[in-house]
Amino acid sequence: MAKLLSCILGPRLYRVYRERGSRRSRPEAIESSQGALEPSWESYYQPRSLEKHADSILALASVLWSISYYSSPFAAFYLYRKGYLTMSKVVAISHYAGTMLLLLAGIACLRGIGRWTNPQYIQFISILEDAHRYGKPEDKRKLSSYNFDFRSWPVDFRWDEATSRSDSRSVPLLRAEPKHRSAVNSFLHTIKKLPCQIASYIVAHTIGRRMLYPGSVYLLQKALMPMLLQGQARLVEEYHGKRAKLAACDGNEIDTMFMDRRDTSEPQGKKLVICCEGNAGFYEVGCLSTPLDAGYSVLGWNHPGFAGSTGAPLPQNEANAMDVVMQYAIHHLGFLPEDIILYAWSIGGFTATWAAMSYPDVSALVLDASFDDLVPLALKVMPESWRGLVTRTVRLYLNLNNGEQLCKYQGPVLLVRRTKDEIITTTVPEDIMSNRGNDLLLKLLQFRYPKVMAEEGVRVVREWLEASTPMEEASVYSRYEVEDDWCLSVLTSYKAEHGDSFPWSVGDDMTPEGRRQLALFLARKHLQNFEATHCAPLPPPDFHLPWHL
């Protein structure tokens, strides 16, 4: 009876991964592209008819519930206008709802019976219970052969679990510093601004975060589920990916996938690339494939509220998730910060710049199709009359200040700008100067090289940024007669004499021509153009590490 109850309440099982030949005396193997023999895999799970049909009904009910949840304000308004919200009507609706719940509970019991008669599910649920009860590595290793509802996966690593916390850091709150003022003025100001703050809070936590992170919407995840399962199976079968659940300091659970290439002959396999996905990206089908196909070890993770990760994708939750991912990479996977590369696409630039700011010893930072500040992009898609509300809402609750965080990182940085980007431009894709990646580059260079990036330096860099083709870039570069060797020698001499801590005062006693040359040289070293739209995958040959002096 206990096993039947476990089957009723147990998670949905999607796939079972087994090496081919695991039931034979001599395992089969396939030849890899490097000539080595690797085990081939088969993935399957055959639910019984009762379980299969019951699952379909419960999945449909879940989708209908989600639709009704999002449409409930409109439905309540309609019922009120029609006079249906009387006590007798509410009681009748409650009776219907109670009947539906009983029917769904009965269907769940039938699904449990179907599972109970399936030896494959019984074996899975026994392994899952042992993994939760004892937590032995052997049980978790067996559990990794199954792909099931991640909510039931045991926690593999906690944010406070590191063996040595001497180099750890507390996660800073991502809020603006309060302005100093008298107690009376502060109280009156708070009362005056209270209605606006309430409106901003409601907007941020309802439509705001769902517009900013559409991947957190349940209906979208449900539609993408087959693709996500297929992508996850590919990572496990082809790259021997290891899935893990990380517990962040706010209680959210983060879904991760690690592909270890350290035992390969490729030198880049010793480096770990931590991938930060976009606002509708998942590690199963996201930018992770670029460094993975380039031969690096890769750690992917899903935003809070995406797929197997819990919580909501708000800035503080994002920072907490990134923190536990970094701790996991360093203390559990065994990578030194000097061997970690942060790679982000689009909105993932926020967590990548936060990690670079908070873990300054990481090897490098690569930002693909990212931006400097969310406010200009939010104003682009909202009505002009909402300008004040949008600005206040972003600053208080959705403040993705990538440029500010980037300037606090001292290491190598490479920005990838999409020349046909339609998402992070504030006008039209053809207007390359409205790409917010330009502003991200200018903020970085102005902070690191303020003397070089004076008025004249900013002007020539903007002129270079207007070029959308390699030929146009070369034309601007040659027009100002930039000598790469001279620029390199100037920077090398300055670093040898003053150290490598930014900001630098190089260019202070230099001619305008020299500053213009340095400005263009530095711009080309920090930004790489890629002729594509926002969502086109970055080809592995175009994944380059940043320039390092």
Protein backbone atom coordinates (compact mmCIF):
# COMPACT_ATOMS: atom_id res chain seq x y z
CA MET A 1 0.00 0.00 0.00
CA ALA A 2 2.89 2.38 0.77
CA LYS A 3 4.35 1.75 -2.68
CA LEU A 4 0.94 2.44 -4.30
CA LEU A 5 0.73 5.74 -2.43
CA SER A 6 4.24 6.61 -3.64
CA CYS A 7 3.15 5.87 -7.20
CA ILE A 8 0.10 8.12 -6.84
CA LEU A 9 2.10 11.03 -5.41
CA GLY A 10 5.29 10.38 -7.35
CA PRO A 11 6.71 12.56 -10.13
CA ARG A 12 6.12 12.09 -13.82
CA LEU A 13 8.83 10.00 -15.48
CA TYR A 14 9.86 11.07 -18.99
CA ARG A 15 12.89 9.00 -20.00
CA VAL A 16 15.21 6.27 -18.80
CA TYR A 17 18.81 6.47 -19.98
CA ARG A 18 20.72 3.22 -20.27
CA GLU A 19 23.94 2.40 -22.04
CA ARG A 20 23.30 -0.02 -24.86
CA GLY A 21 24.66 -3.38 -23.90
CA SER A 22 23.97 -2.80 -20.18
CA ARG A 23 21.84 -5.93 -20.29
CA ARG A 24 24.34 -7.79 -22.44
CA SER A 25 27.58 -9.44 -21.52
CA ARG A 26 29.61 -7.32 -23.91
CA PRO A 27 28.66 -3.61 -24.26
CA GLU A 28 28.46 -2.16 -27.71
CA ALA A 29 30.27 1.03 -28.58
CA ILE A 30 30.40 3.63 -31.28
CA GLU A 31 33.41 5.45 -32.66
CA SER A 32 33.60 9.14 -31.76
CA SER A 33 34.90 11.88 -34.03
CA GLN A 34 38.28 11.64 -32.25
CA GLY A 35 38.52 7.92 -33.02
CA ALA A 36 37.89 6.79 -29.43
CA LEU A 37 35.26 4.21 -28.61
CA GLU A 38 32.38 5.60 -26.55
CA PRO A 39 29.25 3.87 -25.27
CA SER A 40 26.11 4.55 -27.24
CA TRP A 41 22.86 5.25 -25.38
CA GLU A 42 19.20 4.42 -25.65
CA SER A 43 16.48 6.39 -23.88
CA TYR A 44 13.01 5.09 -23.35
CA TYR A 45 10.10 4.85 -20.92
CA GLN A 46 6.90 3.06 -21.84
CA PRO A 47 4.01 4.05 -19.56
CA ARG A 48 1.05 1.71 -19.32
CA SER A 49 -2.17 2.80 -21.06
CA LEU A 50 -3.84 3.78 -17.79
CA GLU A 51 -0.95 6.02 -16.80
CA LYS A 52 -0.60 7.48 -20.29
CA HIS A 53 -4.26 8.52 -20.64
CA ALA A 54 -4.50 9.78 -17.06
CA ASP A 55 -1.36 11.86 -17.58
CA SER A 56 -2.90 13.42 -20.68
CA ILE A 57 -6.06 14.41 -18.80
CA LEU A 58 -4.11 15.88 -15.87
CA ALA A 59 -1.82 17.78 -18.24
CA LEU A 60 -4.86 19.26 -20.00
CA ALA A 61 -6.34 20.23 -16.64
CA SER A 62 -3.06 21.93 -15.71
CA VAL A 63 -3.09 23.98 -18.90
CA LEU A 64 -6.73 24.99 -18.40
CA TRP A 65 -5.95 25.99 -14.82
CA SER A 66 -3.07 28.16 -16.02
CA ILE A 67 -5.28 29.84 -18.61
CA SER A 68 -7.99 30.47 -16.02
CA TYR A 69 -5.40 31.87 -13.60
CA TYR A 70 -4.16 34.47 -16.09
CA SER A 71 -7.68 35.35 -17.22
CA SER A 72 -9.24 35.37 -13.72
CA PRO A 73 -9.33 39.20 -13.35
CA PHE A 74 -11.26 39.54 -16.63
CA ALA A 75 -13.52 36.62 -15.75
CA ALA A 76 -14.29 38.08 -12.31
CA PHE A 77 -15.11 41.47 -13.87
CA TYR A 78 -17.38 39.83 -16.45
CA LEU A 79 -19.22 37.77 -13.82
CA TYR A 80 -19.66 40.84 -11.66
CA ARG A 81 -21.13 42.85 -14.54
CA LYS A 82 -23.52 40.01 -15.36
CA GLY A 83 -24.63 39.72 -11.73
CA TYR A 84 -23.30 36.18 -11.27
CA LEU A 85 -21.30 36.95 -8.09
CA THR A 86 -24.25 36.51 -5.76
CA MET A 87 -23.96 34.18 -2.78
CA SER A 88 -26.09 31.45 -4.38
CA LYS A 89 -24.07 31.58 -7.62
CA VAL A 90 -20.76 31.47 -5.74
CA VAL A 91 -21.95 28.41 -3.79
CA ALA A 92 -22.99 26.69 -7.03
CA ILE A 93 -19.61 27.46 -8.64
CA SER A 94 -17.87 26.10 -5.53
CA HIS A 95 -19.83 22.85 -5.83
CA TYR A 96 -18.77 22.48 -9.47
CA ALA A 97 -15.15 23.21 -8.55
CA GLY A 98 -15.27 20.65 -5.73
CA THR A 99 -16.68 18.01 -8.08
CA MET A 100 -13.92 18.68 -10.60
CA LEU A 101 -11.26 18.37 -7.89
CA LEU A 102 -12.68 15.00 -6.82
CA LEU A 103 -12.67 13.81 -10.43
CA LEU A 104 -9.06 14.90 -10.89
CA ALA A 105 -8.08 13.19 -7.64
CA GLY A 106 -9.68 10.01 -8.93
CA ILE A 107 -7.78 10.29 -12.21
CA ALA A 108 -4.54 10.79 -10.25
CA CYS A 109 -5.31 7.58 -8.34
CA LEU A 110 -5.87 5.72 -11.61
CA ARG A 111 -2.54 7.03 -12.88
CA GLY A 112 -0.92 5.75 -9.69
CA ILE A 113 -2.39 2.29 -10.28
CA GLY A 114 -1.00 2.33 -13.81
CA ARG A 115 2.43 3.17 -12.44
CA TRP A 116 2.11 0.53 -9.72
CA THR A 117 1.69 -2.17 -12.36
CA ASN A 118 4.76 -0.97 -14.28
CA PRO A 119 8.03 -2.59 -13.04
CA GLN A 120 10.06 0.18 -14.62
CA TYR A 121 8.31 2.88 -12.58
CA ILE A 122 8.47 0.78 -9.41
CA GLN A 123 12.24 0.50 -9.82
CA PHE A 124 12.50 4.26 -10.39
CA ILE A 125 10.40 5.21 -7.36
CA SER A 126 12.44 2.88 -5.14
CA ILE A 127 15.70 4.54 -6.26
CA LEU A 128 14.17 7.99 -5.75
CA GLU A 129 13.04 7.15 -2.21
CA ASP A 130 16.49 5.77 -1.34
CA ALA A 131 18.17 8.90 -2.73
CA HIS A 132 15.96 11.12 -0.54
CA ARG A 133 16.23 8.88 2.51
CA TYR A 134 19.95 8.07 2.50
CA GLY A 135 21.52 10.52 0.05
CA LYS A 136 24.26 8.08 -0.92
CA PRO A 137 26.33 8.91 -4.03
CA GLU A 138 25.47 5.48 -5.46
CA ASP A 139 21.73 6.21 -5.22
CA LYS A 140 22.18 9.61 -6.88
CA ARG A 141 24.25 8.02 -9.62
CA LYS A 142 21.44 5.57 -10.33
CA LEU A 143 18.91 8.41 -10.23
CA SER A 144 20.83 10.31 -12.91
CA SER A 145 19.73 7.60 -15.36
CA TYR A 146 16.17 8.95 -15.14
CA ASN A 147 14.61 12.12 -16.49
CA PHE A 148 11.60 13.06 -14.37
CA ASP A 149 9.79 16.03 -12.87
CA PHE A 150 12.67 18.03 -11.38
CA ARG A 151 10.68 19.13 -8.34
CA SER A 152 11.26 15.67 -6.88
CA TRP A 153 15.01 15.63 -7.59
CA PRO A 154 17.08 15.66 -4.35
CA VAL A 155 19.31 18.66 -3.69
CA ASP A 156 22.91 18.05 -4.80
CA PHE A 157 24.52 21.23 -3.48
CA ARG A 158 23.55 24.02 -1.10
CA TRP A 159 24.83 27.59 -1.14
CA ASP A 160 26.25 27.22 2.40
CA GLU A 161 27.75 23.77 1.82
CA ALA A 162 31.24 24.81 0.66
CA THR A 163 34.06 23.25 2.66
CA SER A 164 35.81 26.62 2.99
CA ARG A 165 33.92 29.88 3.14
CA SER A 166 36.97 32.05 3.61
CA ASP A 167 36.76 33.33 0.04
CA SER A 168 32.97 33.42 -0.21
CA ARG A 169 31.00 36.61 -0.16
CA SER A 170 27.52 37.56 0.89
CA VAL A 171 25.14 38.42 -1.91
CA PRO A 172 24.60 42.19 -1.97
CA LEU A 173 21.09 43.54 -2.20
CA LEU A 174 20.49 45.05 -5.62
CA ARG A 175 18.89 48.26 -4.50
CA ALA A 176 19.68 51.92 -4.94
CA GLU A 177 21.34 53.60 -1.98
CA PRO A 178 18.89 55.74 0.06
CA LYS A 179 19.32 59.48 -0.06
CA HIS A 180 19.97 61.23 3.24
CA ARG A 181 17.26 63.61 4.37
CA SER A 182 15.48 64.64 7.56
CA ALA A 183 13.10 62.18 9.20
CA VAL A 184 10.07 64.45 8.65
CA ASN A 185 10.81 65.03 4.97
CA SER A 186 11.51 61.34 4.49
CA PHE A 187 8.16 60.37 6.04
CA LEU A 188 6.21 62.92 3.96
CA HIS A 189 8.05 61.87 0.83
CA THR A 190 7.22 58.21 1.53
CA ILE A 191 3.52 58.98 2.01
CA LYS A 192 3.48 61.06 -1.17
CA LYS A 193 5.17 58.35 -3.24
CA LEU A 194 3.26 55.41 -1.73
CA PRO A 195 0.57 55.14 -4.46
CA CYS A 196 3.26 55.23 -7.17
CA GLN A 197 5.33 52.61 -5.37
CA ILE A 198 2.29 50.34 -4.99
CA ALA A 199 1.51 50.71 -8.70
CA SER A 200 5.14 49.95 -9.60
CA TYR A 201 5.17 46.87 -7.36
CA ILE A 202 1.97 45.52 -8.93
CA VAL A 203 3.21 46.14 -12.47
CA ALA A 204 6.63 44.57 -11.76
CA HIS A 205 5.23 41.41 -10.15
CA THR A 206 2.41 40.82 -12.65
CA ILE A 207 2.93 41.77 -16.29
CA GLY A 208 6.38 43.33 -15.80
CA ARG A 209 8.47 40.29 -14.99
CA ARG A 210 6.52 38.12 -17.43
CA MET A 211 7.21 40.54 -20.26
CA LEU A 212 10.85 40.74 -19.22
CA TYR A 213 11.22 36.97 -18.77
CA PRO A 214 8.60 35.28 -20.99
CA GLY A 215 10.36 31.95 -20.44
CA SER A 216 8.89 31.90 -16.93
CA VAL A 217 5.31 31.72 -18.27
CA TYR A 218 3.94 28.23 -17.68
CA LEU A 219 2.06 28.00 -20.98
CA LEU A 220 5.23 28.76 -22.96
CA GLN A 221 7.16 26.15 -20.98
CA LYS A 222 4.42 23.61 -21.62
CA ALA A 223 4.59 24.28 -25.36
CA LEU A 224 8.38 23.95 -25.34
CA MET A 225 8.46 20.84 -23.16
CA PRO A 226 9.07 18.31 -25.99
CA MET A 227 11.93 20.43 -27.31
CA LEU A 228 13.41 20.82 -23.81
CA LEU A 229 13.26 17.08 -23.16
CA GLN A 230 14.90 16.38 -26.49
CA GLY A 231 17.66 18.92 -25.79
CA GLN A 232 18.24 17.50 -22.34
CA ALA A 233 18.47 13.98 -23.76
CA ARG A 234 21.05 15.18 -26.29
CA LEU A 235 23.24 16.66 -23.55
CA VAL A 236 23.06 13.46 -21.51
CA GLU A 237 23.50 11.01 -24.36
CA GLU A 238 26.06 12.81 -26.53
CA TYR A 239 28.03 14.78 -23.93
CA HIS A 240 27.44 12.71 -20.76
CA GLY A 241 25.86 15.70 -19.05
CA LYS A 242 25.32 15.55 -15.29
CA ARG A 243 22.19 17.22 -14.01
CA ALA A 244 22.16 18.72 -10.50
CA LYS A 245 19.82 20.68 -8.26
CA LEU A 246 21.34 23.60 -6.36
CA ALA A 247 19.68 25.26 -3.36
CA ALA A 248 20.17 29.05 -3.33
CA CYS A 249 20.20 31.20 -0.19
CA ASP A 250 16.62 32.41 -0.85
CA GLY A 251 15.25 28.84 -0.95
CA ASN A 252 14.95 28.66 -4.73
CA GLU A 253 16.16 25.49 -6.42
CA ILE A 254 18.27 25.90 -9.55
CA ASP A 255 18.36 23.35 -12.38
CA THR A 256 21.87 22.86 -13.81
CA MET A 257 23.63 20.66 -16.36
CA PHE A 258 27.41 20.09 -16.39
CA MET A 259 29.43 18.70 -19.31
CA ASP A 260 32.95 17.74 -18.23
CA ARG A 261 35.59 17.86 -20.99
CA ARG A 262 38.66 17.87 -18.74
CA ASP A 263 39.58 14.31 -19.72
CA THR A 264 39.72 15.11 -23.45
CA SER A 265 42.82 15.94 -25.47
CA GLU A 266 41.56 19.46 -26.21
CA PRO A 267 43.29 22.09 -24.00
CA GLN A 268 40.16 24.25 -23.79
CA GLY A 269 38.44 21.38 -21.97
CA LYS A 270 40.33 22.43 -18.83
CA LYS A 271 38.38 25.71 -18.87
CA LEU A 272 34.81 25.92 -17.61
CA VAL A 273 32.35 28.16 -19.44
CA ILE A 274 29.34 29.11 -17.30
CA CYS A 275 26.47 30.06 -19.62
CA CYS A 276 23.80 32.63 -18.71
CA GLU A 277 20.77 32.33 -21.00
CA GLY A 278 18.39 34.93 -22.41
CA ASN A 279 14.90 35.87 -21.23
CA ALA A 280 13.30 32.94 -23.08
CA GLY A 281 16.38 30.71 -23.15
CA PHE A 282 16.90 27.37 -21.44
CA TYR A 283 20.16 25.50 -21.13
CA GLU A 284 18.57 22.60 -22.99
CA VAL A 285 18.29 24.62 -26.22
CA GLY A 286 20.20 27.84 -25.54
CA CYS A 287 23.63 29.42 -26.04
CA LEU A 288 25.29 26.55 -24.15
CA SER A 289 25.87 24.66 -27.40
CA THR A 290 28.34 27.29 -28.70
CA PRO A 291 31.17 26.77 -26.16
CA LEU A 292 30.26 23.09 -25.87
CA ASP A 293 30.86 22.48 -29.57
CA ALA A 294 34.05 24.58 -29.27
CA GLY A 295 35.46 21.97 -26.87
CA TYR A 296 35.09 23.66 -23.48
CA SER A 297 33.72 22.18 -20.27
CA VAL A 298 30.34 23.83 -19.82
CA LEU A 299 27.95 24.50 -16.94
CA GLY A 300 24.43 25.60 -17.91
CA TRP A 301 21.65 26.68 -15.58
CA ASN A 302 18.06 27.87 -15.86
CA HIS A 303 16.74 31.14 -14.49
CA PRO A 304 14.48 30.97 -11.40
CA GLY A 305 11.03 29.98 -12.62
CA PHE A 306 12.38 28.42 -15.84
CA ALA A 307 11.81 24.67 -16.44
CA GLY A 308 13.18 22.82 -13.39
CA SER A 309 14.23 25.96 -11.47
CA THR A 310 11.85 27.37 -8.88
CA GLY A 311 11.09 30.95 -7.88
CA ALA A 312 10.58 34.08 -9.94
CA PRO A 313 13.21 35.74 -12.19
CA LEU A 314 13.61 38.97 -10.23
CA PRO A 315 17.05 40.65 -10.00
CA GLN A 316 17.82 39.56 -6.43
CA ASN A 317 16.72 35.98 -7.14
CA GLU A 318 18.87 36.00 -10.27
CA ALA A 319 21.90 37.12 -8.26
CA ASN A 320 21.24 34.45 -5.62
CA ALA A 321 20.99 31.79 -8.32
CA MET A 322 24.23 32.93 -9.95
CA ASP A 323 25.97 32.90 -6.59
CA VAL A 324 25.13 29.26 -5.88
CA VAL A 325 26.11 28.30 -9.45
CA MET A 326 29.52 29.88 -8.91
CA GLN A 327 29.94 28.19 -5.54
CA TYR A 328 28.99 24.87 -7.10
CA ALA A 329 31.53 25.30 -9.91
CA ILE A 330 34.34 26.21 -7.50
CA HIS A 331 33.71 24.02 -4.46
CA HIS A 332 31.95 20.98 -5.91
CA LEU A 333 33.16 20.69 -9.51
CA GLY A 334 36.68 21.73 -8.53
CA PHE A 335 37.38 24.58 -10.97
CA LEU A 336 39.58 27.48 -9.89
CA PRO A 337 38.10 30.95 -10.53
CA GLU A 338 41.05 31.55 -12.89
CA ASP A 339 39.75 28.68 -15.05
CA ILE A 340 36.17 29.96 -15.27
CA ILE A 341 34.84 31.94 -18.25
CA LEU A 342 31.47 33.70 -18.00
CA TYR A 343 29.46 33.66 -21.23
CA ALA A 344 26.10 35.41 -21.47
CA TRP A 345 23.57 36.00 -24.19
CA SER A 346 21.12 38.92 -24.12
CA ILE A 347 19.52 39.43 -20.69
CA GLY A 348 21.92 36.86 -19.24
CA GLY A 349 24.42 39.72 -19.22
CA PHE A 350 22.94 40.82 -15.89
CA THR A 351 23.90 37.66 -13.98
CA ALA A 352 27.21 37.36 -15.84
CA THR A 353 28.28 40.91 -14.96
CA TRP A 354 27.08 40.37 -11.40
CA ALA A 355 29.24 37.24 -11.13
CA ALA A 356 32.23 39.04 -12.67
CA MET A 357 31.77 41.88 -10.18
CA SER A 358 31.39 39.52 -7.22
CA TYR A 359 34.03 36.97 -8.25
CA PRO A 360 36.75 39.25 -9.70
CA ASP A 361 39.26 36.41 -10.21
CA VAL A 362 37.29 34.74 -13.00
CA SER A 363 39.29 34.32 -16.20
CA ALA A 364 37.16 36.28 -18.67
CA LEU A 365 33.72 37.65 -19.53
CA VAL A 366 32.01 37.32 -22.93
CA LEU A 367 28.73 39.21 -23.46
CA ASP A 368 26.79 38.38 -26.63
CA ALA A 369 23.94 40.67 -27.75
CA SER A 370 23.73 42.31 -24.34
CA PHE A 371 22.89 45.86 -23.25
CA ASP A 372 23.94 48.45 -20.70
CA ASP A 373 20.63 49.39 -19.06
CA LEU A 374 17.06 48.11 -19.21
CA VAL A 375 15.23 51.45 -19.01
CA PRO A 376 15.74 52.60 -22.66
CA LEU A 377 14.64 49.18 -23.95
CA ALA A 378 11.58 49.13 -21.68
CA LEU A 379 10.54 52.62 -22.80
CA LYS A 380 10.84 51.46 -26.42
CA VAL A 381 8.00 48.91 -26.09
CA MET A 382 5.70 50.80 -23.69
CA PRO A 383 3.40 53.79 -24.37
CA GLU A 384 5.00 57.23 -24.00
CA SER A 385 2.41 58.16 -21.37
CA TRP A 386 3.76 55.38 -19.15
CA ARG A 387 7.33 56.75 -19.13
CA GLY A 388 7.32 57.73 -15.45
CA LEU A 389 5.74 54.47 -14.30
CA VAL A 390 8.05 52.33 -16.46
CA THR A 391 11.21 54.11 -15.32
CA ARG A 392 10.24 53.92 -11.64
CA THR A 393 9.21 50.26 -11.91
CA VAL A 394 12.48 49.24 -13.57
CA ARG A 395 14.65 51.18 -11.15
CA LEU A 396 12.88 49.81 -8.07
CA TYR A 397 12.18 46.18 -9.00
CA LEU A 398 13.71 45.20 -12.37
CA ASN A 399 16.96 47.16 -12.42
CA LEU A 400 19.24 45.26 -14.79
CA ASN A 401 22.17 47.68 -14.62
CA ASN A 402 24.68 45.68 -16.66
CA GLY A 403 26.90 48.64 -17.49
CA GLU A 404 27.34 49.64 -13.87
CA GLN A 405 28.22 46.10 -12.84
CA LEU A 406 30.56 45.58 -15.78
CA CYS A 407 32.69 48.55 -14.76
CA LYS A 408 33.39 46.87 -11.42
CA TYR A 409 35.13 43.93 -13.11
CA GLN A 410 38.85 44.31 -13.80
CA GLY A 411 39.40 41.31 -16.06
CA PRO A 412 39.28 40.72 -19.84
CA VAL A 413 35.96 41.53 -21.56
CA LEU A 414 34.65 40.83 -25.06
CA LEU A 415 31.36 42.23 -26.35
CA VAL A 416 29.65 40.60 -29.34
CA ARG A 417 27.39 43.01 -31.25
CA ARG A 418 24.75 41.67 -33.64
CA THR A 419 24.68 44.03 -36.62
CA LYS A 420 21.03 43.16 -37.40
CA ASP A 421 19.79 43.02 -33.82
CA GLU A 422 16.07 43.75 -33.59
CA ILE A 423 15.70 43.39 -29.80
CA ILE A 424 18.26 45.64 -28.11
CA THR A 425 17.99 48.49 -30.62
CA THR A 426 15.83 51.41 -29.53
CA THR A 427 14.66 52.34 -33.06
CA VAL A 428 14.88 49.88 -35.96
CA PRO A 429 17.36 47.01 -36.58
CA GLU A 430 18.92 48.91 -39.49
CA ASP A 431 19.90 51.75 -37.14
CA ILE A 432 23.02 50.14 -35.72
CA MET A 433 23.81 53.20 -33.60
CA SER A 434 20.69 52.57 -31.52
CA ASN A 435 22.08 49.18 -30.46
CA ARG A 436 22.57 49.36 -26.68
CA GLY A 437 25.67 47.22 -27.03
CA ASN A 438 27.37 50.42 -28.22
CA ASP A 439 26.55 52.14 -24.94
CA LEU A 440 27.85 49.14 -23.02
CA LEU A 441 31.20 49.41 -24.83
CA LEU A 442 31.43 53.17 -24.30
CA LYS A 443 30.69 52.89 -20.58
CA LEU A 444 33.37 50.21 -20.19
CA LEU A 445 36.03 52.15 -22.11
CA GLN A 446 35.19 55.47 -20.46
CA PHE A 447 35.59 53.89 -17.03
CA ARG A 448 38.81 52.01 -17.80
CA TYR A 449 40.50 54.65 -19.99
CA PRO A 450 38.96 58.03 -19.05
CA LYS A 451 41.82 60.12 -20.49
CA VAL A 452 41.73 58.30 -23.82
CA MET A 453 37.94 58.35 -23.98
CA ALA A 454 37.57 62.09 -23.67
CA GLU A 455 35.32 63.96 -26.10
CA GLU A 456 37.54 63.28 -29.12
CA GLY A 457 37.97 59.59 -28.24
CA VAL A 458 34.22 59.05 -27.87
CA ARG A 459 33.63 60.76 -31.22
CA VAL A 460 35.97 58.50 -33.20
CA VAL A 461 34.71 55.35 -31.45
CA ARG A 462 31.14 56.31 -32.35
CA GLU A 463 32.28 56.83 -35.92
CA TRP A 464 33.81 53.33 -35.87
CA LEU A 465 30.65 51.86 -34.34
CA GLU A 466 28.57 53.21 -37.23
CA ALA A 467 30.41 50.76 -39.50
CA SER A 468 28.35 47.61 -39.99
CA THR A 469 30.72 45.70 -42.29
CA PRO A 470 34.40 44.70 -41.95
CA MET A 471 35.26 46.89 -44.94
CA GLU A 472 33.69 49.98 -43.35
CA GLU A 473 35.46 49.23 -40.05
CA ALA A 474 38.82 48.93 -41.82
CA SER A 475 38.16 52.19 -43.64
CA VAL A 476 37.65 54.11 -40.38
CA TYR A 477 40.65 52.39 -38.84
CA SER A 478 42.94 53.30 -41.72
CA ARG A 479 41.63 56.86 -41.96
CA TYR A 480 43.04 57.61 -38.51
CA GLU A 481 46.25 55.69 -39.31
CA VAL A 482 46.04 53.46 -36.24
CA GLU A 483 49.35 51.71 -35.54
CA ASP A 484 48.61 48.57 -33.55
CA ASP A 485 52.22 48.00 -32.49
CA TRP A 486 52.55 51.53 -31.14
CA CYS A 487 49.26 51.29 -29.22
CA LEU A 488 50.28 47.96 -27.76
CA SER A 489 53.66 49.25 -26.65
CA VAL A 490 52.08 52.29 -24.97
CA LEU A 491 49.62 50.14 -23.01
CA THR A 492 52.28 47.57 -22.10
CA SER A 493 54.62 50.27 -20.79
CA TYR A 494 51.87 51.85 -18.74
CA LYS A 495 50.87 48.52 -17.21
CA ALA A 496 54.49 47.68 -16.32
CA GLU A 497 54.91 51.03 -14.56
CA HIS A 498 51.51 51.55 -12.90
CA GLY A 499 49.98 48.09 -12.60
CA ASP A 500 46.78 46.74 -14.14
CA SER A 501 44.14 48.17 -11.81
CA PHE A 502 41.53 50.28 -13.62
CA PRO A 503 40.87 53.12 -14.26
CA TRP A 504 44.08 54.01 -16.09
CA SER A 505 45.40 57.53 -16.67
CA VAL A 506 47.13 56.54 -19.91
CA GLY A 507 46.72 59.23 -22.57
CA ASP A 508 46.90 62.12 -20.10
CA ASP A 509 50.02 63.63 -21.71
CA MET A 510 49.34 62.39 -25.24
CA THR A 511 48.53 64.25 -28.44
CA PRO A 512 44.93 64.16 -29.76
CA GLU A 513 46.09 61.96 -32.62
CA GLY A 514 47.58 59.47 -30.18
CA ARG A 515 44.41 59.35 -28.08
CA ARG A 516 42.30 58.77 -31.17
CA GLN A 517 44.52 55.87 -32.18
CA LEU A 518 44.33 54.32 -28.71
CA ALA A 519 40.55 54.78 -28.57
CA LEU A 520 40.03 52.93 -31.86
CA PHE A 521 42.55 50.24 -30.95
CA LEU A 522 40.82 49.55 -27.62
CA ALA A 523 37.34 49.59 -29.18
CA ARG A 524 38.32 46.96 -31.74
CA LYS A 525 39.90 44.79 -29.03
CA HIS A 526 36.77 44.87 -26.86
CA LEU A 527 33.99 44.51 -29.45
CA GLN A 528 33.40 41.87 -32.11
CA ASN A 529 30.72 42.29 -34.78
CA PHE A 530 28.56 39.35 -35.82
CA GLU A 531 26.30 39.78 -38.83
CA ALA A 532 23.09 38.24 -37.53
CA THR A 533 19.81 38.94 -35.76
CA HIS A 534 19.37 38.75 -32.01
CA CYS A 535 18.34 35.10 -31.73
CA ALA A 536 20.69 33.52 -34.28
CA PRO A 537 23.07 31.06 -32.54
CA LEU A 538 26.69 32.16 -32.34
CA PRO A 539 28.74 29.65 -34.37
CA PRO A 540 31.47 27.86 -32.34
CA PRO A 541 34.29 29.27 -34.57
CA ASP A 542 33.09 32.79 -33.63
CA PHE A 543 33.34 32.08 -29.89
CA HIS A 544 36.57 33.86 -28.96
CA LEU A 545 38.14 34.62 -25.61
CA PRO A 546 38.64 38.34 -24.82
CA TRP A 547 41.83 40.18 -25.63
CA HIS A 548 44.24 40.26 -22.70
CA LEU A 549 47.18 42.62 -22.54
